[in-house]
């Protein structure tokens, strides 16, 4: 496979999104002219959603290592970490990077990680789980340092993060050594005791028998709360109840929605149609798309997004022709059940106007729904577009899979995906290529691996 040489701008975009072509470029052409882009990726977290995607530090470090100039990048990272201020995401990323450098023989990165960790906890104690890297770097000393740092935090301790650090140390040392180390220190150190208390709380919560499942509230019970103005169940409860109501109850909800002008009641009623279609289109729900209450407008879009209807389709196309990103995103939500061949020009124009990553991710999920429910060949263009432009590396695998299922995946895309920033995408691409080499059929859509 010929590896295309990237321009500095193309490389910067590829390394930000985690596309495999960034790694392949360095392997084939080196890092001349792109040193700054690699340096920035080592210092800054480009992951869209850390909780879902995880850290990309290992992948970025591999790119730096592939340049053959790891010492140069080590010196630049050390210099800048010492002089500049970084956000919590970047600090957490740098601790992961520091561990990678230390594992490769750069001993100066161990003290750096210990300098960064208190800064991270001061910014956000819920990122405390990075303390596992301190354990990797210094064993029991790293555990004690992380425990003191967390225990001294002025805000609430994250029990789960504490337990992760403690159990990681048990895996590296032993259960007895880990326990004895902290218990001996806790005798004279309140911060260590607070850390151990957090670990104990988490252990108790996981070992306790599960609470009996609460019965699903009836529609009548929720409506009574709404009528009394009480705090009703969360949005998730509304959605859950909505999937279980009868057609008659759905019609009753629509009647109640027509009668009220109270935004709180409108929101409650609309949320129950987030995962099930309304029995019929209400002109009022179309009007609520323009509600001054953001939550009501969003709930109206969710409800209309469940309907296949000519008026909803007409509204979707009108919103796609807007110049406002929020309205365009709503247009995509309404179009996902109402797409027709010939809508490609409207979709193409609208996509070019969205720069907000959160809205772009939402639109990508709507395009994914359209592609899964329509075999129109024209949709492959937009599936490919989101493979190239979607901000979330976790979701990129689904766009890759859709291209493969449609037999339109460019060979260079499947090849580069073997070095993607997301492990799951790498595994999927390698499995597809291995099956092709063995002469086996491609996996069914329901088989993501």
Protein backbone atom coordinates (compact mmCIF):
# COMPACT_ATOMS: atom_id res chain seq x y z
CA UNK A 1 0.00 0.00 0.00
CA UNK A 2 1.43 3.38 -1.00
CA UNK A 3 1.44 5.82 1.93
CA UNK A 4 0.38 9.31 0.95
CA UNK A 5 2.58 12.10 2.29
CA UNK A 6 0.58 14.57 4.36
CA UNK A 7 0.98 18.31 4.43
CA UNK A 8 1.60 19.83 7.89
CA UNK A 9 -2.05 20.94 7.97
CA UNK A 10 -3.29 17.47 7.02
CA UNK A 11 -1.01 15.86 9.59
CA UNK A 12 -2.21 18.22 12.35
CA UNK A 13 -5.81 17.27 11.57
CA UNK A 14 -5.01 13.54 11.43
CA UNK A 15 -3.18 13.47 14.76
CA UNK A 16 -5.96 15.53 16.40
CA UNK A 17 -8.63 13.08 15.25
CA UNK A 18 -6.52 9.97 15.86
CA UNK A 19 -6.48 8.80 12.24
CA UNK A 20 -4.00 6.05 11.42
CA UNK A 21 -2.52 8.03 8.53
CA UNK A 22 -0.69 10.23 11.07
CA UNK A 23 1.32 7.25 12.33
CA UNK A 24 1.90 5.92 8.81
CA UNK A 25 3.18 9.29 7.61
CA UNK A 26 5.85 9.39 10.32
CA UNK A 27 6.91 5.81 9.65
CA UNK A 28 7.26 6.50 5.93
CA UNK A 29 8.44 10.11 5.79
CA UNK A 30 9.70 11.05 9.26
CA UNK A 31 8.80 14.21 11.17
CA UNK A 32 10.43 16.92 9.11
CA UNK A 33 8.14 19.96 9.09
CA UNK A 34 5.64 18.48 11.58
CA UNK A 35 7.65 18.63 14.81
CA UNK A 36 5.35 21.27 16.26
CA UNK A 37 2.24 19.20 15.59
CA UNK A 38 3.71 16.14 17.34
CA UNK A 39 4.85 18.27 20.26
CA UNK A 40 1.36 19.75 20.67
CA UNK A 41 -0.20 16.28 20.61
CA UNK A 42 2.17 15.12 23.35
CA UNK A 43 1.17 18.07 25.54
CA UNK A 44 -2.53 18.45 24.76
CA UNK A 45 -5.41 16.00 24.97
CA UNK A 46 -7.32 15.91 21.69
CA UNK A 47 -9.77 13.19 22.79
CA UNK A 48 -13.39 14.28 22.34
CA UNK A 49 -14.79 12.20 25.23
CA UNK A 50 -12.19 10.75 27.62
CA UNK A 51 -14.80 8.68 29.47
CA UNK A 52 -15.82 6.84 26.30
CA UNK A 53 -12.67 6.96 24.19
CA UNK A 54 -10.10 6.63 26.95
CA UNK A 55 -6.65 8.16 26.76
CA UNK A 56 -4.80 8.39 23.47
CA UNK A 57 -1.41 8.92 25.12
CA UNK A 58 0.01 5.54 24.10
CA UNK A 59 -0.86 6.15 20.45
CA UNK A 60 0.62 9.66 20.41
CA UNK A 61 3.76 8.47 22.17
CA UNK A 62 4.18 5.74 19.54
CA UNK A 63 4.12 8.41 16.85
CA UNK A 64 6.83 10.38 18.64
CA UNK A 65 8.86 7.20 19.11
CA UNK A 66 8.51 6.31 15.41
CA UNK A 67 10.29 9.55 14.47
CA UNK A 68 13.55 8.21 15.89
CA UNK A 69 13.93 11.54 17.73
CA UNK A 70 12.40 10.70 21.08
CA UNK A 71 15.07 12.63 23.02
CA UNK A 72 14.16 15.82 21.14
CA UNK A 73 10.49 15.46 22.06
CA UNK A 74 11.33 14.53 25.65
CA UNK A 75 13.29 17.76 26.05
CA UNK A 76 10.50 19.86 24.53
CA UNK A 77 7.81 18.32 26.74
CA UNK A 78 9.88 18.75 29.90
CA UNK A 79 10.64 22.36 29.06
CA UNK A 80 7.06 23.34 28.31
CA UNK A 81 5.50 21.46 31.22
CA UNK A 82 7.79 23.43 33.51
CA UNK A 83 6.81 26.82 32.08
CA UNK A 84 3.19 26.68 30.93
CA UNK A 85 -0.25 26.25 32.47
CA UNK A 86 -2.53 23.52 31.15
CA UNK A 87 -6.17 22.47 31.56
CA UNK A 88 -7.18 19.42 33.60
CA UNK A 89 -7.58 17.23 30.50
CA UNK A 90 -4.12 18.17 29.33
CA UNK A 91 -2.60 17.56 32.77
CA UNK A 92 -4.16 14.09 32.91
CA UNK A 93 -2.86 13.42 29.39
CA UNK A 94 0.64 14.60 30.34
CA UNK A 95 0.77 12.23 33.31
CA UNK A 96 0.03 9.36 30.93
CA UNK A 97 2.69 10.65 28.52
CA UNK A 98 5.21 11.03 31.36
CA UNK A 99 4.77 7.37 32.23
CA UNK A 100 5.39 6.39 28.61
CA UNK A 101 8.61 8.41 28.47
CA UNK A 102 9.77 7.00 31.81
CA UNK A 103 9.16 3.46 30.58
CA UNK A 104 11.41 4.28 27.62
CA UNK A 105 14.29 5.29 29.86
CA UNK A 106 13.76 9.01 30.43
CA UNK A 107 14.03 9.19 34.22
CA UNK A 108 13.27 12.93 34.43
CA UNK A 109 9.63 12.16 33.69
CA UNK A 110 9.05 10.45 37.04
CA UNK A 111 9.42 13.69 39.06
CA UNK A 112 7.41 15.49 36.38
CA UNK A 113 4.44 13.17 36.92
CA UNK A 114 4.62 13.80 40.65
CA UNK A 115 4.61 17.56 40.02
CA UNK A 116 1.64 17.35 37.66
CA UNK A 117 -0.61 15.18 39.84
CA UNK A 118 -1.32 17.72 42.62
CA UNK A 119 -2.07 20.33 39.96
CA UNK A 120 -4.54 17.92 38.37
CA UNK A 121 -6.29 17.15 41.67
CA UNK A 122 -6.53 20.86 42.46
CA UNK A 123 -8.24 21.38 39.09
CA UNK A 124 -10.54 18.35 39.27
CA UNK A 125 -10.32 15.64 41.95
CA UNK A 126 -12.53 13.41 39.80
CA UNK A 127 -9.54 12.86 37.52
CA UNK A 128 -7.72 11.21 40.43
CA UNK A 129 -7.63 7.84 38.65
CA UNK A 130 -4.41 8.97 36.93
CA UNK A 131 -2.78 8.10 40.23
CA UNK A 132 -2.42 4.56 38.90
CA UNK A 133 0.47 5.92 36.84
CA UNK A 134 2.19 7.12 40.01
CA UNK A 135 1.99 3.56 41.28
CA UNK A 136 3.53 2.37 37.99
CA UNK A 137 6.30 4.92 38.40
CA UNK A 138 7.14 4.40 42.07
CA UNK A 139 5.22 1.48 43.56
CA UNK A 140 4.21 1.93 47.21
CA UNK A 141 5.68 5.44 47.31
CA UNK A 142 3.50 6.41 44.35
CA UNK A 143 0.46 4.96 46.10
CA UNK A 144 1.16 6.92 49.28
CA UNK A 145 1.72 10.13 47.31
CA UNK A 146 -1.55 9.71 45.40
CA UNK A 147 -3.43 8.86 48.62
CA UNK A 148 -2.12 11.97 50.42
CA UNK A 149 -2.84 14.22 47.47
CA UNK A 150 -6.41 12.97 47.17
CA UNK A 151 -6.96 12.94 50.93
CA UNK A 152 -5.86 16.57 51.17
CA UNK A 153 -8.23 17.71 48.43
CA UNK A 154 -10.74 20.25 49.68
CA UNK A 155 -13.61 18.84 47.64
CA UNK A 156 -15.39 15.49 47.75
CA UNK A 157 -13.27 12.40 47.16
CA UNK A 158 -14.11 10.06 44.28
CA UNK A 159 -14.44 6.64 45.93
CA UNK A 160 -14.19 4.78 42.64
CA UNK A 161 -10.93 6.48 41.61
CA UNK A 162 -9.40 5.74 45.01
CA UNK A 163 -10.34 2.10 44.74
CA UNK A 164 -8.87 1.87 41.23
CA UNK A 165 -5.52 3.19 42.47
CA UNK A 166 -5.53 0.88 45.49
CA UNK A 167 -6.40 -2.21 43.44
CA UNK A 168 -3.81 -1.31 40.80
CA UNK A 169 -1.16 -1.29 43.52
CA UNK A 170 -2.40 -4.69 44.74
CA UNK A 171 -1.90 -6.05 41.23
CA UNK A 172 1.66 -4.72 41.07
CA UNK A 173 2.77 -5.50 44.63
CA UNK A 174 0.50 -7.65 46.74
CA UNK A 175 -2.68 -7.24 48.73
CA UNK A 176 -0.79 -7.52 52.02
CA UNK A 177 1.96 -5.05 51.07
CA UNK A 178 -0.53 -2.49 49.80
CA UNK A 179 -2.69 -2.76 52.91
CA UNK A 180 0.24 -2.66 55.33
CA UNK A 181 1.85 0.32 53.60
CA UNK A 182 -1.21 2.53 53.87
CA UNK A 183 -2.40 1.36 57.27
CA UNK A 184 0.96 2.10 58.84
CA UNK A 185 0.91 5.59 57.35
CA UNK A 186 -2.73 6.20 58.23
CA UNK A 187 -1.97 5.99 61.93
CA UNK A 188 -0.48 9.49 61.83
CA UNK A 189 -1.90 10.91 58.61
CA UNK A 190 -5.53 12.02 58.26
CA UNK A 191 -5.24 12.35 54.47
CA UNK A 192 -4.28 8.67 54.16
CA UNK A 193 -7.19 7.72 56.40
CA UNK A 194 -9.60 9.64 54.18
CA UNK A 195 -8.24 7.80 51.15
CA UNK A 196 -8.66 4.41 52.86
CA UNK A 197 -12.18 5.35 53.95
CA UNK A 198 -13.05 6.10 50.32
CA UNK A 199 -11.67 2.70 49.25
CA UNK A 200 -13.71 1.00 51.98
CA UNK A 201 -16.90 2.79 50.94
CA UNK A 202 -16.46 1.71 47.35
CA UNK A 203 -15.73 -1.88 48.36
CA UNK A 204 -18.84 -1.96 50.56
CA UNK A 205 -21.01 -0.56 47.80
CA UNK A 206 -19.82 -3.20 45.32
CA UNK A 207 -20.10 -6.08 47.78
CA UNK A 208 -23.52 -5.11 49.12
CA UNK A 209 -26.53 -7.03 47.84
CA UNK A 210 -28.26 -5.11 45.06
CA UNK A 211 -31.26 -3.12 46.15
CA UNK A 212 -34.64 -4.36 44.96
CA UNK A 213 -35.48 -2.83 41.61
CA UNK A 214 -37.84 0.05 42.03
CA UNK A 215 -41.14 -0.52 40.25
CA UNK A 216 -41.60 1.55 37.16
CA UNK A 217 -43.86 4.48 38.00
CA UNK A 218 -47.18 4.42 36.23
CA UNK A 219 -48.20 7.17 33.88
CA UNK A 220 -50.86 8.22 36.38
CA UNK A 221 -48.28 8.57 39.16
CA UNK A 222 -46.03 10.76 37.02
CA UNK A 223 -48.93 12.90 35.82
CA UNK A 224 -50.00 13.48 39.44
CA UNK A 225 -46.51 14.74 40.29
CA UNK A 226 -46.50 17.02 37.26
CA UNK A 227 -49.94 18.40 38.12
CA UNK A 228 -48.87 19.10 41.72
CA UNK A 229 -45.69 20.80 40.50
CA UNK A 230 -43.53 18.32 42.41
CA UNK A 231 -40.09 17.28 41.32
CA UNK A 232 -40.93 14.43 38.96
CA UNK A 233 -38.57 11.58 38.00
CA UNK A 234 -35.57 12.37 35.81
CA UNK A 235 -35.65 12.70 32.07
CA UNK A 236 -34.56 9.08 31.80
CA UNK A 237 -37.61 8.00 33.76
CA UNK A 238 -39.88 9.92 31.40
CA UNK A 239 -38.26 8.24 28.40
CA UNK A 240 -38.51 4.84 30.07
CA UNK A 241 -42.17 5.24 30.98
CA UNK A 242 -42.95 6.53 27.50
CA UNK A 243 -41.81 3.27 25.91
CA UNK A 244 -44.32 1.32 28.02
CA UNK A 245 -47.48 3.41 27.74
CA UNK A 246 -50.42 2.23 25.69
CA UNK A 247 -51.73 3.91 22.56
CA UNK A 248 -54.67 5.28 24.55
CA UNK A 249 -52.30 6.75 27.15
CA UNK A 250 -50.19 8.26 24.36
CA UNK A 251 -53.28 9.97 22.95
CA UNK A 252 -54.10 11.26 26.45
CA UNK A 253 -50.62 12.76 26.72
CA UNK A 254 -51.05 14.51 23.38
CA UNK A 255 -54.36 16.01 24.56
CA UNK A 256 -52.75 17.26 27.78
CA UNK A 257 -49.93 18.81 25.80
CA UNK A 258 -52.40 20.66 23.58
CA UNK A 259 -54.17 22.10 26.62
CA UNK A 260 -51.19 23.41 28.60
CA UNK A 261 -48.98 26.45 28.16
CA UNK A 262 -46.77 25.62 31.14
CA UNK A 263 -43.18 24.87 29.94
CA UNK A 264 -42.62 22.41 32.78
CA UNK A 265 -45.63 20.33 31.78
CA UNK A 266 -44.77 20.59 28.10
CA UNK A 267 -41.29 19.27 28.87
CA UNK A 268 -42.63 16.35 30.90
CA UNK A 269 -45.11 15.31 28.22
CA UNK A 270 -42.62 15.67 25.37
CA UNK A 271 -39.95 13.61 27.10
CA UNK A 272 -42.28 10.64 27.15
CA UNK A 273 -42.20 10.67 23.34
CA UNK A 274 -38.41 10.68 23.10
CA UNK A 275 -38.25 6.93 22.37
CA UNK A 276 -41.66 6.24 20.92
CA UNK A 277 -43.67 7.97 18.17
CA UNK A 278 -46.59 10.21 18.98
CA UNK A 279 -49.86 8.72 17.75
CA UNK A 280 -50.22 11.69 15.40
CA UNK A 281 -48.34 14.86 14.56
CA UNK A 282 -49.33 17.84 16.64
CA UNK A 283 -48.92 21.30 15.16
CA UNK A 284 -48.15 22.51 18.65
CA UNK A 285 -45.08 20.27 18.87
CA UNK A 286 -43.81 21.80 15.64
CA UNK A 287 -44.30 25.22 17.22
CA UNK A 288 -42.43 24.15 20.35
CA UNK A 289 -39.30 23.71 18.27
CA UNK A 290 -39.07 27.50 18.65
CA UNK A 291 -39.79 27.55 22.38
CA UNK A 292 -37.69 30.10 24.30
CA UNK A 293 -37.10 27.29 26.81
CA UNK A 294 -34.07 25.39 25.47
CA UNK A 295 -35.09 22.13 27.17
CA UNK A 296 -38.60 22.24 25.74
CA UNK A 297 -37.29 22.96 22.24
CA UNK A 298 -34.81 20.09 22.53
CA UNK A 299 -37.51 17.70 23.79
CA UNK A 300 -39.77 18.72 20.90
CA UNK A 301 -36.98 17.87 18.45
CA UNK A 302 -36.48 14.49 20.13
CA UNK A 303 -40.19 13.72 19.84
CA UNK A 304 -40.46 14.84 16.21
CA UNK A 305 -37.33 12.86 15.38
CA UNK A 306 -39.34 9.68 16.01
CA UNK A 307 -41.89 10.48 13.30
CA UNK A 308 -41.90 9.71 9.60
CA UNK A 309 -44.14 12.50 8.36
CA UNK A 310 -44.25 14.88 5.40
CA UNK A 311 -44.58 17.99 7.58
CA UNK A 312 -41.67 16.90 9.75
CA UNK A 313 -39.65 16.30 6.60
CA UNK A 314 -40.57 19.73 5.25
CA UNK A 315 -39.50 21.30 8.56
CA UNK A 316 -36.25 19.34 8.55
CA UNK A 317 -35.27 20.55 5.08
CA UNK A 318 -36.11 24.13 6.01
CA UNK A 319 -33.91 23.92 9.10
CA UNK A 320 -31.07 22.39 7.10
CA UNK A 321 -31.16 25.51 4.94
CA UNK A 322 -30.59 27.71 8.01
CA UNK A 323 -27.31 29.45 8.78
CA UNK A 324 -27.55 28.67 12.52
CA UNK A 325 -25.69 25.56 13.65
CA UNK A 326 -28.25 24.65 16.33
CA UNK A 327 -31.12 24.78 13.84
CA UNK A 328 -29.15 22.75 11.32
CA UNK A 329 -28.51 20.06 13.94
CA UNK A 330 -32.25 19.98 14.73
CA UNK A 331 -32.92 19.62 11.02
CA UNK A 332 -30.76 16.50 10.89
CA UNK A 333 -32.58 15.05 13.88
CA UNK A 334 -35.91 15.53 12.13
CA UNK A 335 -34.57 14.17 8.84
CA UNK A 336 -33.20 10.89 10.22
CA UNK A 337 -36.60 9.17 9.84
CA UNK A 338 -37.57 11.20 6.77
CA UNK A 339 -34.55 11.00 4.49
CA UNK A 340 -35.22 10.49 0.80
CA UNK A 341 -32.90 10.02 -2.13
CA UNK A 342 -32.25 13.49 -3.53
CA UNK A 343 -31.61 15.13 -0.13
CA UNK A 344 -27.85 14.92 -0.66
CA UNK A 345 -27.33 18.51 -1.77
CA UNK A 346 -29.14 19.84 1.30
CA UNK A 347 -27.12 17.55 3.58
CA UNK A 348 -23.86 18.47 1.87
CA UNK A 349 -24.46 22.22 2.26
CA UNK A 350 -25.54 21.88 5.87
CA UNK A 351 -22.56 19.79 6.99
CA UNK A 352 -20.14 22.45 5.81
CA UNK A 353 -21.69 24.98 8.21
CA UNK A 354 -21.23 22.95 11.41
CA UNK A 355 -18.06 23.63 13.35
CA UNK A 356 -19.24 22.94 16.91
CA UNK A 357 -17.90 19.48 17.87
CA UNK A 358 -20.83 18.54 20.08
CA UNK A 359 -23.35 19.37 17.36
CA UNK A 360 -21.22 17.62 14.77
CA UNK A 361 -21.16 14.47 16.89
CA UNK A 362 -24.95 14.60 17.25
CA UNK A 363 -25.40 15.01 13.50
CA UNK A 364 -23.08 12.06 12.94
CA UNK A 365 -25.38 9.85 14.98
CA UNK A 366 -28.33 10.99 12.84
CA UNK A 367 -26.40 10.21 9.65
CA UNK A 368 -25.57 6.81 11.11
CA UNK A 369 -29.30 6.16 11.68
CA UNK A 370 -30.11 7.19 8.10
CA UNK A 371 -27.41 4.92 6.72
CA UNK A 372 -28.49 1.92 8.80
CA UNK A 373 -32.12 2.30 7.73
CA UNK A 374 -31.58 3.22 4.07
CA UNK A 375 -29.52 1.37 1.49
CA UNK A 376 -29.29 4.38 -0.82
CA UNK A 377 -25.84 4.41 -2.32
CA UNK A 378 -25.73 8.20 -1.99
CA UNK A 379 -25.50 7.99 1.79
CA UNK A 380 -22.06 6.36 1.56
CA UNK A 381 -20.62 9.81 0.83
CA UNK A 382 -21.71 11.07 4.24
CA UNK A 383 -20.66 7.91 6.06
CA UNK A 384 -17.20 8.44 4.58
CA UNK A 385 -17.36 12.13 5.49
CA UNK A 386 -17.93 11.29 9.16
CA UNK A 387 -15.15 8.73 9.16
CA UNK A 388 -12.92 11.62 8.06
CA UNK A 389 -14.42 14.41 10.17
CA UNK A 390 -16.29 13.01 13.16
CA UNK A 391 -14.74 14.22 16.44
CA UNK A 392 -15.26 10.95 18.34
CA UNK A 393 -12.79 8.15 17.62
CA UNK A 394 -15.06 5.64 19.38
CA UNK A 395 -17.84 6.25 16.84
CA UNK A 396 -15.45 6.23 13.88
CA UNK A 397 -15.49 2.43 13.94
CA UNK A 398 -19.22 2.44 13.19
CA UNK A 399 -18.71 4.58 10.10
CA UNK A 400 -15.86 2.31 9.02
CA UNK A 401 -18.10 -0.70 9.56
CA UNK A 402 -20.89 0.86 7.50
CA UNK A 403 -18.49 1.46 4.62
CA UNK A 404 -17.34 -2.16 4.81
CA UNK A 405 -20.92 -3.46 4.96
CA UNK A 406 -21.78 -1.44 1.86
CA UNK A 407 -18.67 -2.75 0.04
CA UNK A 408 -17.53 0.82 -0.63
CA UNK A 409 -14.68 1.16 1.87
CA UNK A 410 -11.60 2.56 0.10
CA UNK A 411 -8.66 0.15 0.54
CA UNK A 412 -6.45 2.91 1.94
CA UNK A 413 -9.03 3.65 4.65
CA UNK A 414 -9.23 0.03 5.79
CA UNK A 415 -5.44 -0.19 5.68
CA UNK A 416 -4.81 2.93 7.76
CA UNK A 417 -7.47 1.95 10.30
CA UNK A 418 -5.11 -0.78 11.52
CA UNK A 419 -3.14 2.06 13.17
CA UNK A 420 -6.10 4.15 14.31
CA UNK A 421 -5.99 6.00 17.62
CA UNK A 422 -8.89 3.84 18.89
CA UNK A 423 -8.01 0.24 19.72
CA UNK A 424 -11.47 -1.03 18.75
CA UNK A 425 -11.12 0.42 15.26
CA UNK A 426 -7.70 -1.21 14.91
CA UNK A 427 -9.08 -4.60 15.95
CA UNK A 428 -12.04 -4.31 13.58
CA UNK A 429 -9.89 -3.35 10.58
CA UNK A 430 -7.38 -6.12 11.24
CA UNK A 431 -10.17 -8.68 11.61
CA UNK A 432 -11.72 -7.64 8.29
CA UNK A 433 -8.39 -7.81 6.47
CA UNK A 434 -7.57 -11.17 8.06
CA UNK A 435 -10.93 -12.56 6.93
CA UNK A 436 -10.38 -11.22 3.43
CA UNK A 437 -6.95 -12.82 3.29
CA UNK A 438 -8.43 -16.12 4.45
CA UNK A 439 -11.20 -15.85 1.86
CA UNK A 440 -13.95 -15.60 4.48
CA UNK A 441 -17.06 -13.48 4.15
CA UNK A 442 -17.15 -10.11 5.84
CA UNK A 443 -18.94 -10.08 9.25
CA UNK A 444 -22.63 -9.33 9.48
CA UNK A 445 -23.69 -5.85 10.60
CA UNK A 446 -24.45 -7.17 14.08
CA UNK A 447 -20.87 -8.41 14.50
CA UNK A 448 -18.77 -5.31 15.36
CA UNK A 449 -15.61 -7.36 15.96
